[in-house]
Amino acid sequence: MEATAYFKNLHISPKKLRFILPEIKKMPPSESLTRLFYSPKKGARVFYKAIKSAIDNAKYALKVSDDLLEFKLFTVEQGNALKRFRPGGRGTAKPYKKKYSHIKIVLTVKQAKKSMPGVTSLPSTKKVSVKK
């Protein structure tokens, strides 16, 4: 079972979000929230709100607790860019872009580690003495 959350047109550059992304991907979603809460970056605030919303959606849709969730997919994509100009010397225009980004989060339920079929217990480790 999966729960998907897609956040579009966030007014922050994707490059700034991708800088934080590798640290968060490795953690469980509930742990990543505590780390992002204390980070001073604007991207951390954006990720905090997005992950919190995705966790709430998953808890409602999948009916599981938040510590059983894990990231299946967590990406930052390039959104639209507003093209603007600043006046330059001698009547020229200096172009710049205000970039937007999209965040896609897919959460799944952790699978418990299954034991191998047919094996009921581990073999005993008794010492056997051999007579010569």
Foldseek 3Di string as FASTA:
>chain_A
DKFKDKFWFAQDFLVQLVVCPVVLQVDQLVVLLVVLVPDPDPSSVVVNVRSVVRLVRCCVPVVDHSVQKHWPDKDKAWHDWDWDWDADPPRDTDIDIRTTIMIMTMMDGDDDDDDDPPDDDDDDDDDDDDDD
